[in-house]
Amino acid sequence: LVEEGFDIMAVDADLCGSTTTGKLGASYPDRLVDVGIAEQ
């Protein structure tokens, strides 16, 4: 989606590997925020 031009970001709660959002962080580090174990 980012490569198609969408202004995408992801926010993860300390599970980037399990949820696979780590793939976004590896390609576009500024588009992934990991807040830790803090879902609220």
PDB file of all heavy atoms in Angstrom:
ATOM      1  N   LEU A   1       0.826  -1.208   0.000  1.00  0.00           N
ATOM      2  CA  LEU A   1       0.000   0.000   0.000  1.00  0.00           C
ATOM      3  C   LEU A   1       0.861   1.258   0.000  1.00  0.00           C
ATOM      4  O   LEU A   1       0.560   2.230  -0.706  1.00  0.00           O
ATOM      5  CB  LEU A   1      -0.930  -0.012   1.215  1.00  0.00           C
ATOM      6  CG  LEU A   1      -2.119  -0.976   1.126  1.00  0.00           C
ATOM      7  CD1 LEU A   1      -2.741  -1.188   2.495  1.00  0.00           C
ATOM      8  CD2 LEU A   1      -3.163  -0.442   0.137  1.00  0.00           C
ATOM      9  N   VAL A   2       1.938   1.251   0.790  1.00  0.00           N
ATOM     10  CA  VAL A   2       2.854   2.402   0.784  1.00  0.00           C
ATOM     11  C   VAL A   2       3.447   2.581  -0.609  1.00  0.00           C
ATOM     12  O   VAL A   2       3.534   3.709  -1.131  1.00  0.00           O
ATOM     13  CB  VAL A   2       3.960   2.213   1.842  1.00  0.00           C
ATOM     14  CG1 VAL A   2       5.019   3.306   1.690  1.00  0.00           C
ATOM     15  CG2 VAL A   2       3.369   2.241   3.244  1.00  0.00           C
ATOM     16  N   GLU A   3       3.853   1.473  -1.221  1.00  0.00           N
ATOM     17  CA  GLU A   3       4.474   1.543  -2.543  1.00  0.00           C
ATOM     18  C   GLU A   3       3.483   1.945  -3.622  1.00  0.00           C
ATOM     19  O   GLU A   3       3.884   2.415  -4.690  1.00  0.00           O
ATOM     20  CB  GLU A   3       5.138   0.204  -2.853  1.00  0.00           C
ATOM     21  CG  GLU A   3       6.349  -0.038  -1.938  1.00  0.00           C
ATOM     22  CD  GLU A   3       6.967  -1.407  -2.090  1.00  0.00           C
ATOM     23  OE1 GLU A   3       6.351  -2.282  -2.754  1.00  0.00           O
ATOM     24  OE2 GLU A   3       8.071  -1.620  -1.528  1.00  0.00           O
ATOM     25  N   GLU A   4       2.172   1.772  -3.334  1.00  0.00           N
ATOM     26  CA  GLU A   4       1.131   2.229  -4.259  1.00  0.00           C
ATOM     27  C   GLU A   4       0.781   3.703  -4.025  1.00  0.00           C
ATOM     28  O   GLU A   4      -0.057   4.259  -4.750  1.00  0.00           O
ATOM     29  CB  GLU A   4      -0.127   1.373  -4.098  1.00  0.00           C
ATOM     30  CG  GLU A   4       0.033  -0.062  -4.604  1.00  0.00           C
ATOM     31  CD  GLU A   4      -1.179  -0.927  -4.269  1.00  0.00           C
ATOM     32  OE1 GLU A   4      -2.242  -0.357  -3.910  1.00  0.00           O
ATOM     33  OE2 GLU A   4      -1.064  -2.164  -4.358  1.00  0.00           O
ATOM     34  N   GLY A   5       1.380   4.321  -3.009  1.00  0.00           N
ATOM     35  CA  GLY A   5       1.176   5.742  -2.780  1.00  0.00           C
ATOM     36  C   GLY A   5       0.264   6.100  -1.633  1.00  0.00           C
ATOM     37  O   GLY A   5      -0.034   7.286  -1.419  1.00  0.00           O
ATOM     38  N   PHE A   6      -0.184   5.109  -0.856  1.00  0.00           N
ATOM     39  CA  PHE A   6      -1.049   5.393   0.283  1.00  0.00           C
ATOM     40  C   PHE A   6      -0.220   5.862   1.477  1.00  0.00           C
ATOM     41  O   PHE A   6       0.868   5.338   1.722  1.00  0.00           O
ATOM     42  CB  PHE A   6      -1.857   4.147   0.669  1.00  0.00           C
ATOM     43  CG  PHE A   6      -2.945   3.809  -0.305  1.00  0.00           C
ATOM     44  CD1 PHE A   6      -2.678   3.038  -1.430  1.00  0.00           C
ATOM     45  CD2 PHE A   6      -4.237   4.272  -0.109  1.00  0.00           C
ATOM     46  CE1 PHE A   6      -3.678   2.729  -2.334  1.00  0.00           C
ATOM     47  CE2 PHE A   6      -5.246   3.971  -1.006  1.00  0.00           C
ATOM     48  CZ  PHE A   6      -4.965   3.203  -2.125  1.00  0.00           C
ATOM     49  N   ASP A   7      -0.735   6.835   2.206  1.00  0.00           N
ATOM     50  CA  ASP A   7      -0.044   7.361   3.382  1.00  0.00           C
ATOM     51  C   ASP A   7      -0.405   6.490   4.581  1.00  0.00           C
ATOM     52  O   ASP A   7      -1.255   6.835   5.405  1.00  0.00           O
ATOM     53  CB  ASP A   7      -0.442   8.811   3.616  1.00  0.00           C
ATOM     54  CG  ASP A   7       0.487   9.503   4.606  1.00  0.00           C
ATOM     55  OD1 ASP A   7       1.418   8.846   5.108  1.00  0.00           O
ATOM     56  OD2 ASP A   7       0.269  10.698   4.886  1.00  0.00           O
ATOM     57  N   ILE A   8       0.254   5.344   4.657  1.00  0.00           N
ATOM     58  CA  ILE A   8      -0.059   4.309   5.637  1.00  0.00           C
ATOM     59  C   ILE A   8       0.907   4.390   6.812  1.00  0.00           C
ATOM     60  O   ILE A   8       2.106   4.585   6.641  1.00  0.00           O
ATOM     61  CB  ILE A   8       0.065   2.909   4.988  1.00  0.00           C
ATOM     62  CG1 ILE A   8      -0.980   2.721   3.881  1.00  0.00           C
ATOM     63  CG2 ILE A   8      -0.049   1.794   6.029  1.00  0.00           C
ATOM     64  CD1 ILE A   8      -2.397   2.709   4.364  1.00  0.00           C
ATOM     65  N   MET A   9       0.367   4.198   8.027  1.00  0.00           N
ATOM     66  CA  MET A   9       1.203   3.967   9.200  1.00  0.00           C
ATOM     67  C   MET A   9       0.611   2.815   9.998  1.00  0.00           C
ATOM     68  O   MET A   9      -0.581   2.509   9.874  1.00  0.00           O
ATOM     69  CB  MET A   9       1.309   5.214  10.065  1.00  0.00           C
ATOM     70  CG  MET A   9       2.129   6.324   9.428  1.00  0.00           C
ATOM     71  SD  MET A   9       2.660   7.580  10.618  1.00  0.00           S
ATOM     72  CE  MET A   9       3.903   6.658  11.556  1.00  0.00           C
ATOM     73  N   ALA A  10       1.448   2.164  10.810  1.00  0.00           N
ATOM     74  CA  ALA A  10       0.982   1.102  11.688  1.00  0.00           C
ATOM     75  C   ALA A  10       1.459   1.380  13.106  1.00  0.00           C
ATOM     76  O   ALA A  10       2.553   1.911  13.317  1.00  0.00           O
ATOM     77  CB  ALA A  10       1.496  -0.252  11.221  1.00  0.00           C
ATOM     78  N   VAL A  11       0.615   1.031  14.072  1.00  0.00           N
ATOM     79  CA  VAL A  11       0.962   1.145  15.486  1.00  0.00           C
ATOM     80  C   VAL A  11       0.794  -0.234  16.106  1.00  0.00           C
ATOM     81  O   VAL A  11      -0.289  -0.827  16.039  1.00  0.00           O
ATOM     82  CB  VAL A  11       0.077   2.177  16.214  1.00  0.00           C
ATOM     83  CG1 VAL A  11       0.570   2.374  17.643  1.00  0.00           C
ATOM     84  CG2 VAL A  11       0.066   3.508  15.473  1.00  0.00           C
ATOM     85  N   ASP A  12       1.864  -0.757  16.683  1.00  0.00           N
ATOM     86  CA  ASP A  12       1.874  -2.111  17.224  1.00  0.00           C
ATOM     87  C   ASP A  12       2.096  -2.065  18.732  1.00  0.00           C
ATOM     88  O   ASP A  12       2.681  -1.117  19.260  1.00  0.00           O
ATOM     89  CB  ASP A  12       2.988  -2.928  16.552  1.00  0.00           C
ATOM     90  CG  ASP A  12       2.744  -4.420  16.624  1.00  0.00           C
ATOM     91  OD1 ASP A  12       2.711  -4.956  17.748  1.00  0.00           O
ATOM     92  OD2 ASP A  12       2.595  -5.062  15.562  1.00  0.00           O
ATOM     93  N   ALA A  13       1.621  -3.121  19.417  1.00  0.00           N
ATOM     94  CA  ALA A  13       1.760  -3.207  20.870  1.00  0.00           C
ATOM     95  C   ALA A  13       2.735  -4.321  21.246  1.00  0.00           C
ATOM     96  O   ALA A  13       2.362  -5.314  21.858  1.00  0.00           O
ATOM     97  CB  ALA A  13       0.401  -3.416  21.525  1.00  0.00           C
ATOM     98  N   ASP A  14       3.979  -4.168  20.809  1.00  0.00           N
ATOM     99  CA  ASP A  14       5.084  -5.052  21.187  1.00  0.00           C
ATOM    100  C   ASP A  14       4.991  -6.451  20.585  1.00  0.00           C
ATOM    101  O   ASP A  14       5.480  -7.419  21.162  1.00  0.00           O
ATOM    102  CB  ASP A  14       5.166  -5.166  22.724  1.00  0.00           C
ATOM    103  CG  ASP A  14       6.519  -5.686  23.186  1.00  0.00           C
ATOM    104  OD1 ASP A  14       7.549  -5.262  22.629  1.00  0.00           O
ATOM    105  OD2 ASP A  14       6.545  -6.528  24.102  1.00  0.00           O
ATOM    106  N   LEU A  15       4.357  -6.556  19.408  1.00  0.00           N
ATOM    107  CA  LEU A  15       4.203  -7.873  18.778  1.00  0.00           C
ATOM    108  C   LEU A  15       4.504  -7.797  17.285  1.00  0.00           C
ATOM    109  O   LEU A  15       3.877  -8.489  16.482  1.00  0.00           O
ATOM    110  CB  LEU A  15       2.782  -8.406  19.006  1.00  0.00           C
ATOM    111  CG  LEU A  15       2.459  -8.822  20.441  1.00  0.00           C
ATOM    112  CD1 LEU A  15       0.959  -8.953  20.643  1.00  0.00           C
ATOM    113  CD2 LEU A  15       3.157 -10.130  20.791  1.00  0.00           C
ATOM    114  N   CYS A  16       5.459  -6.967  16.906  1.00  0.00           N
ATOM    115  CA  CYS A  16       5.715  -6.703  15.488  1.00  0.00           C
ATOM    116  C   CYS A  16       6.086  -7.964  14.700  1.00  0.00           C
ATOM    117  O   CYS A  16       5.794  -8.062  13.510  1.00  0.00           O
ATOM    118  CB  CYS A  16       6.823  -5.663  15.340  1.00  0.00           C
ATOM    119  SG  CYS A  16       6.419  -4.057  16.054  1.00  0.00           S
ATOM    120  N   GLY A  17       6.746  -8.915  15.364  1.00  0.00           N
ATOM    121  CA  GLY A  17       7.093 -10.152  14.684  1.00  0.00           C
ATOM    122  C   GLY A  17       5.884 -11.037  14.471  1.00  0.00           C
ATOM    123  O   GLY A  17       5.630 -11.526  13.364  1.00  0.00           O
ATOM    124  N   SER A  18       5.090 -11.219  15.509  1.00  0.00           N
ATOM    125  CA  SER A  18       3.914 -12.083  15.428  1.00  0.00           C
ATOM    126  C   SER A  18       2.838 -11.516  14.514  1.00  0.00           C
ATOM    127  O   SER A  18       2.170 -12.249  13.781  1.00  0.00           O
ATOM    128  CB  SER A  18       3.343 -12.310  16.827  1.00  0.00           C
ATOM    129  OG  SER A  18       4.259 -13.010  17.640  1.00  0.00           O
ATOM    130  N   THR A  19       2.634 -10.206  14.565  1.00  0.00           N
ATOM    131  CA  THR A  19       1.593  -9.587  13.737  1.00  0.00           C
ATOM    132  C   THR A  19       2.066  -9.304  12.319  1.00  0.00           C
ATOM    133  O   THR A  19       1.256  -8.972  11.455  1.00  0.00           O
ATOM    134  CB  THR A  19       1.118  -8.267  14.366  1.00  0.00           C
ATOM    135  OG1 THR A  19       2.201  -7.327  14.353  1.00  0.00           O
ATOM    136  CG2 THR A  19       0.624  -8.472  15.792  1.00  0.00           C
ATOM    137  N   THR A  20       3.350  -9.384  12.095  1.00  0.00           N
ATOM    138  CA  THR A  20       4.059  -9.147  10.820  1.00  0.00           C
ATOM    139  C   THR A  20       4.147  -7.682  10.429  1.00  0.00           C
ATOM    140  O   THR A  20       4.578  -7.368   9.323  1.00  0.00           O
ATOM    141  CB  THR A  20       3.497  -9.978   9.638  1.00  0.00           C
ATOM    142  OG1 THR A  20       2.258  -9.447   9.160  1.00  0.00           O
ATOM    143  CG2 THR A  20       3.337 -11.451  10.007  1.00  0.00           C
ATOM    144  N   THR A  21       3.774  -6.751  11.318  1.00  0.00           N
ATOM    145  CA  THR A  21       3.992  -5.340  10.994  1.00  0.00           C
ATOM    146  C   THR A  21       5.480  -5.016  10.910  1.00  0.00           C
ATOM    147  O   THR A  21       5.864  -3.982  10.356  1.00  0.00           O
ATOM    148  CB  THR A  21       3.353  -4.410  12.034  1.00  0.00           C
ATOM    149  OG1 THR A  21       3.905  -4.701  13.328  1.00  0.00           O
ATOM    150  CG2 THR A  21       1.840  -4.590  12.069  1.00  0.00           C
ATOM    151  N   GLY A  22       6.324  -5.898  11.447  1.00  0.00           N
ATOM    152  CA  GLY A  22       7.770  -5.700  11.340  1.00  0.00           C
ATOM    153  C   GLY A  22       8.240  -5.589   9.899  1.00  0.00           C
ATOM    154  O   GLY A  22       9.271  -4.945   9.627  1.00  0.00           O
ATOM    155  N   LYS A  23       7.483  -6.184   8.967  1.00  0.00           N
ATOM    156  CA  LYS A  23       7.831  -6.061   7.546  1.00  0.00           C
ATOM    157  C   LYS A  23       7.718  -4.612   7.086  1.00  0.00           C
ATOM    158  O   LYS A  23       8.538  -4.145   6.291  1.00  0.00           O
ATOM    159  CB  LYS A  23       6.931  -6.969   6.704  1.00  0.00           C
ATOM    160  CG  LYS A  23       7.168  -8.454   6.926  1.00  0.00           C
ATOM    161  CD  LYS A  23       6.297  -9.287   6.009  1.00  0.00           C
ATOM    162  CE  LYS A  23       6.566 -10.778   6.210  1.00  0.00           C
ATOM    163  NZ  LYS A  23       5.721 -11.622   5.327  1.00  0.00           N
ATOM    164  N   LEU A  24       6.689  -3.925   7.567  1.00  0.00           N
ATOM    165  CA  LEU A  24       6.550  -2.508   7.230  1.00  0.00           C
ATOM    166  C   LEU A  24       7.699  -1.719   7.851  1.00  0.00           C
ATOM    167  O   LEU A  24       8.298  -0.856   7.200  1.00  0.00           O
ATOM    168  CB  LEU A  24       5.208  -1.975   7.738  1.00  0.00           C
ATOM    169  CG  LEU A  24       4.958  -0.480   7.505  1.00  0.00           C
ATOM    170  CD1 LEU A  24       4.847  -0.166   6.021  1.00  0.00           C
ATOM    171  CD2 LEU A  24       3.701  -0.028   8.249  1.00  0.00           C
ATOM    172  N   GLY A  25       8.023  -2.020   9.113  1.00  0.00           N
ATOM    173  CA  GLY A  25       9.111  -1.310   9.787  1.00  0.00           C
ATOM    174  C   GLY A  25      10.456  -1.534   9.125  1.00  0.00           C
ATOM    175  O   GLY A  25      11.290  -0.619   9.083  1.00  0.00           O
ATOM    176  N   ALA A  26      10.685  -2.745   8.594  1.00  0.00           N
ATOM    177  CA  ALA A  26      11.957  -3.033   7.934  1.00  0.00           C
ATOM    178  C   ALA A  26      12.109  -2.232   6.644  1.00  0.00           C
ATOM    179  O   ALA A  26      13.209  -1.769   6.311  1.00  0.00           O
ATOM    180  CB  ALA A  26      12.064  -4.527   7.644  1.00  0.00           C
ATOM    181  N   SER A  27      11.005  -2.053   5.918  1.00  0.00           N
ATOM    182  CA  SER A  27      11.056  -1.327   4.644  1.00  0.00           C
ATOM    183  C   SER A  27      10.918   0.172   4.830  1.00  0.00           C
ATOM    184  O   SER A  27      11.560   0.956   4.114  1.00  0.00           O
ATOM    185  CB  SER A  27       9.937  -1.831   3.717  1.00  0.00           C
ATOM    186  OG  SER A  27      10.105  -3.198   3.407  1.00  0.00           O
ATOM    187  N   TYR A  28      10.081   0.577   5.784  1.00  0.00           N
ATOM    188  CA  TYR A  28       9.800   1.995   6.013  1.00  0.00           C
ATOM    189  C   TYR A  28       9.763   2.257   7.521  1.00  0.00           C
ATOM    190  O   TYR A  28       8.682   2.324   8.128  1.00  0.00           O
ATOM    191  CB  TYR A  28       8.468   2.396   5.365  1.00  0.00           C
ATOM    192  CG  TYR A  28       8.428   2.165   3.874  1.00  0.00           C
ATOM    193  CD1 TYR A  28       7.840   0.994   3.355  1.00  0.00           C
ATOM    194  CD2 TYR A  28       8.979   3.082   2.987  1.00  0.00           C
ATOM    195  CE1 TYR A  28       7.808   0.770   1.973  1.00  0.00           C
ATOM    196  CE2 TYR A  28       8.949   2.856   1.616  1.00  0.00           C
ATOM    197  CZ  TYR A  28       8.372   1.699   1.126  1.00  0.00           C
ATOM    198  OH  TYR A  28       8.341   1.475  -0.235  1.00  0.00           O
ATOM    199  N   PRO A  29      10.936   2.399   8.148  1.00  0.00           N
ATOM    200  CA  PRO A  29      11.005   2.522   9.614  1.00  0.00           C
ATOM    201  C   PRO A  29      10.181   3.665  10.188  1.00  0.00           C
ATOM    202  O   PRO A  29       9.684   3.564  11.318  1.00  0.00           O
ATOM    203  CB  PRO A  29      12.498   2.743   9.872  1.00  0.00           C
ATOM    204  CG  PRO A  29      13.191   2.174   8.675  1.00  0.00           C
ATOM    205  CD  PRO A  29      12.274   2.421   7.521  1.00  0.00           C
ATOM    206  N   ASP A  30      10.009   4.737   9.435  1.00  0.00           N
ATOM    207  CA  ASP A  30       9.272   5.885   9.963  1.00  0.00           C
ATOM    208  C   ASP A  30       7.763   5.688   9.907  1.00  0.00           C
ATOM    209  O   ASP A  30       7.010   6.564  10.349  1.00  0.00           O
ATOM    210  CB  ASP A  30       9.659   7.160   9.196  1.00  0.00           C
ATOM    211  CG  ASP A  30       9.370   7.070   7.701  1.00  0.00           C
ATOM    212  OD1 ASP A  30       9.296   5.930   7.183  1.00  0.00           O
ATOM    213  OD2 ASP A  30       9.229   8.122   7.058  1.00  0.00           O
ATOM    214  N   ARG A  31       7.312   4.556   9.396  1.00  0.00           N
ATOM    215  CA  ARG A  31       5.871   4.309   9.277  1.00  0.00           C
ATOM    216  C   ARG A  31       5.360   3.295  10.306  1.00  0.00           C
ATOM    217  O   ARG A  31       4.198   2.909  10.268  1.00  0.00           O
ATOM    218  CB  ARG A  31       5.526   3.841   7.860  1.00  0.00           C
ATOM    219  CG  ARG A  31       5.710   4.944   6.826  1.00  0.00           C
ATOM    220  CD  ARG A  31       5.225   4.527   5.456  1.00  0.00           C
ATOM    221  NE  ARG A  31       5.363   5.629   4.506  1.00  0.00           N
ATOM    222  CZ  ARG A  31       4.432   6.548   4.277  1.00  0.00           C
ATOM    223  NH1 ARG A  31       3.290   6.505   4.946  1.00  0.00           N
ATOM    224  NH2 ARG A  31       4.631   7.506   3.403  1.00  0.00           N
ATOM    225  N   LEU A  32       6.211   2.839  11.206  1.00  0.00           N
ATOM    226  CA  LEU A  32       5.805   1.900  12.245  1.00  0.00           C
ATOM    227  C   LEU A  32       6.144   2.469  13.618  1.00  0.00           C
ATOM    228  O   LEU A  32       7.283   2.865  13.874  1.00  0.00           O
ATOM    229  CB  LEU A  32       6.510   0.553  12.057  1.00  0.00           C
ATOM    230  CG  LEU A  32       6.268  -0.499  13.161  1.00  0.00           C
ATOM    231  CD1 LEU A  32       4.790  -0.892  13.234  1.00  0.00           C
ATOM    232  CD2 LEU A  32       7.146  -1.726  12.931  1.00  0.00           C
ATOM    233  N   VAL A  33       5.153   2.507  14.488  1.00  0.00           N
ATOM    234  CA  VAL A  33       5.337   2.944  15.872  1.00  0.00           C
ATOM    235  C   VAL A  33       5.021   1.762  16.781  1.00  0.00           C
ATOM    236  O   VAL A  33       3.932   1.175  16.692  1.00  0.00           O
ATOM    237  CB  VAL A  33       4.412   4.126  16.232  1.00  0.00           C
ATOM    238  CG1 VAL A  33       4.609   4.525  17.690  1.00  0.00           C
ATOM    239  CG2 VAL A  33       4.657   5.300  15.301  1.00  0.00           C
ATOM    240  N   ASP A  34       5.962   1.392  17.644  1.00  0.00           N
ATOM    241  CA  ASP A  34       5.734   0.328  18.623  1.00  0.00           C
ATOM    242  C   ASP A  34       5.592   0.972  19.993  1.00  0.00           C
ATOM    243  O   ASP A  34       6.547   1.543  20.526  1.00  0.00           O
ATOM    244  CB  ASP A  34       6.907  -0.665  18.608  1.00  0.00           C
ATOM    245  CG  ASP A  34       6.630  -1.904  19.447  1.00  0.00           C
ATOM    246  OD1 ASP A  34       5.723  -1.855  20.305  1.00  0.00           O
ATOM    247  OD2 ASP A  34       7.317  -2.925  19.238  1.00  0.00           O
ATOM    248  N   VAL A  35       4.390   0.899  20.568  1.00  0.00           N
ATOM    249  CA  VAL A  35       4.127   1.566  21.849  1.00  0.00           C
ATOM    250  C   VAL A  35       4.401   0.666  23.041  1.00  0.00           C
ATOM    251  O   VAL A  35       4.209   1.079  24.188  1.00  0.00           O
ATOM    252  CB  VAL A  35       2.666   2.076  21.917  1.00  0.00           C
ATOM    253  CG1 VAL A  35       2.396   3.108  20.833  1.00  0.00           C
ATOM    254  CG2 VAL A  35       1.678   0.916  21.832  1.00  0.00           C
ATOM    255  N   GLY A  36       4.838  -0.578  22.786  1.00  0.00           N
ATOM    256  CA  GLY A  36       5.013  -1.515  23.875  1.00  0.00           C
ATOM    257  C   GLY A  36       3.689  -2.133  24.284  1.00  0.00           C
ATOM    258  O   GLY A  36       2.677  -2.027  23.576  1.00  0.00           O
ATOM    259  N   ILE A  37       3.690  -2.821  25.423  1.00  0.00           N
ATOM    260  CA  ILE A  37       2.474  -3.518  25.869  1.00  0.00           C
ATOM    261  C   ILE A  37       1.527  -2.488  26.473  1.00  0.00           C
ATOM    262  O   ILE A  37       1.414  -2.342  27.701  1.00  0.00           O
ATOM    263  CB  ILE A  37       2.825  -4.634  26.870  1.00  0.00           C
ATOM    264  CG1 ILE A  37       3.872  -5.576  26.264  1.00  0.00           C
ATOM    265  CG2 ILE A  37       1.573  -5.438  27.231  1.00  0.00           C
ATOM    266  CD1 ILE A  37       4.416  -6.596  27.230  1.00  0.00           C
ATOM    267  N   ALA A  38       0.856  -1.757  25.599  1.00  0.00           N
ATOM    268  CA  ALA A  38       0.012  -0.626  26.031  1.00  0.00           C
ATOM    269  C   ALA A  38      -1.058  -0.394  24.966  1.00  0.00           C
ATOM    270  O   ALA A  38      -0.988   0.564  24.197  1.00  0.00           O
ATOM    271  CB  ALA A  38       0.868   0.621  26.238  1.00  0.00           C
ATOM    272  N   GLU A  39      -2.044  -1.298  24.938  1.00  0.00           N
ATOM    273  CA  GLU A  39      -3.031  -1.267  23.851  1.00  0.00           C
ATOM    274  C   GLU A  39      -3.885  -0.007  23.856  1.00  0.00           C
ATOM    275  O   GLU A  39      -4.263   0.488  22.784  1.00  0.00           O
ATOM    276  CB  GLU A  39      -3.916  -2.528  23.925  1.00  0.00           C
ATOM    277  CG  GLU A  39      -3.211  -3.801  23.520  1.00  0.00           C
ATOM    278  CD  GLU A  39      -2.350  -4.397  24.635  1.00  0.00           C
ATOM    279  OE1 GLU A  39      -2.382  -3.866  25.781  1.00  0.00           O
ATOM    280  OE2 GLU A  39      -1.651  -5.389  24.376  1.00  0.00           O
ATOM    281  N   GLN A  40      -4.226   0.518  25.035  1.00  0.00           N
ATOM    282  CA  GLN A  40      -4.992   1.767  25.066  1.00  0.00           C
ATOM    283  C   GLN A  40      -4.194   2.892  24.423  1.00  0.00           C
ATOM    284  O   GLN A  40      -4.739   3.703  23.649  1.00  0.00           O
ATOM    285  CB  GLN A  40      -5.353   2.132  26.513  1.00  0.00           C
ATOM    286  CG  GLN A  40      -6.306   1.147  27.183  1.00  0.00           C
ATOM    287  CD  GLN A  40      -5.569   0.137  28.041  1.00  0.00           C
ATOM    288  OE1 GLN A  40      -4.412  -0.199  27.765  1.00  0.00           O
ATOM    289  NE2 GLN A  40      -6.226  -0.355  29.082  1.00  0.00           N
TER     290      GLN A  40
END
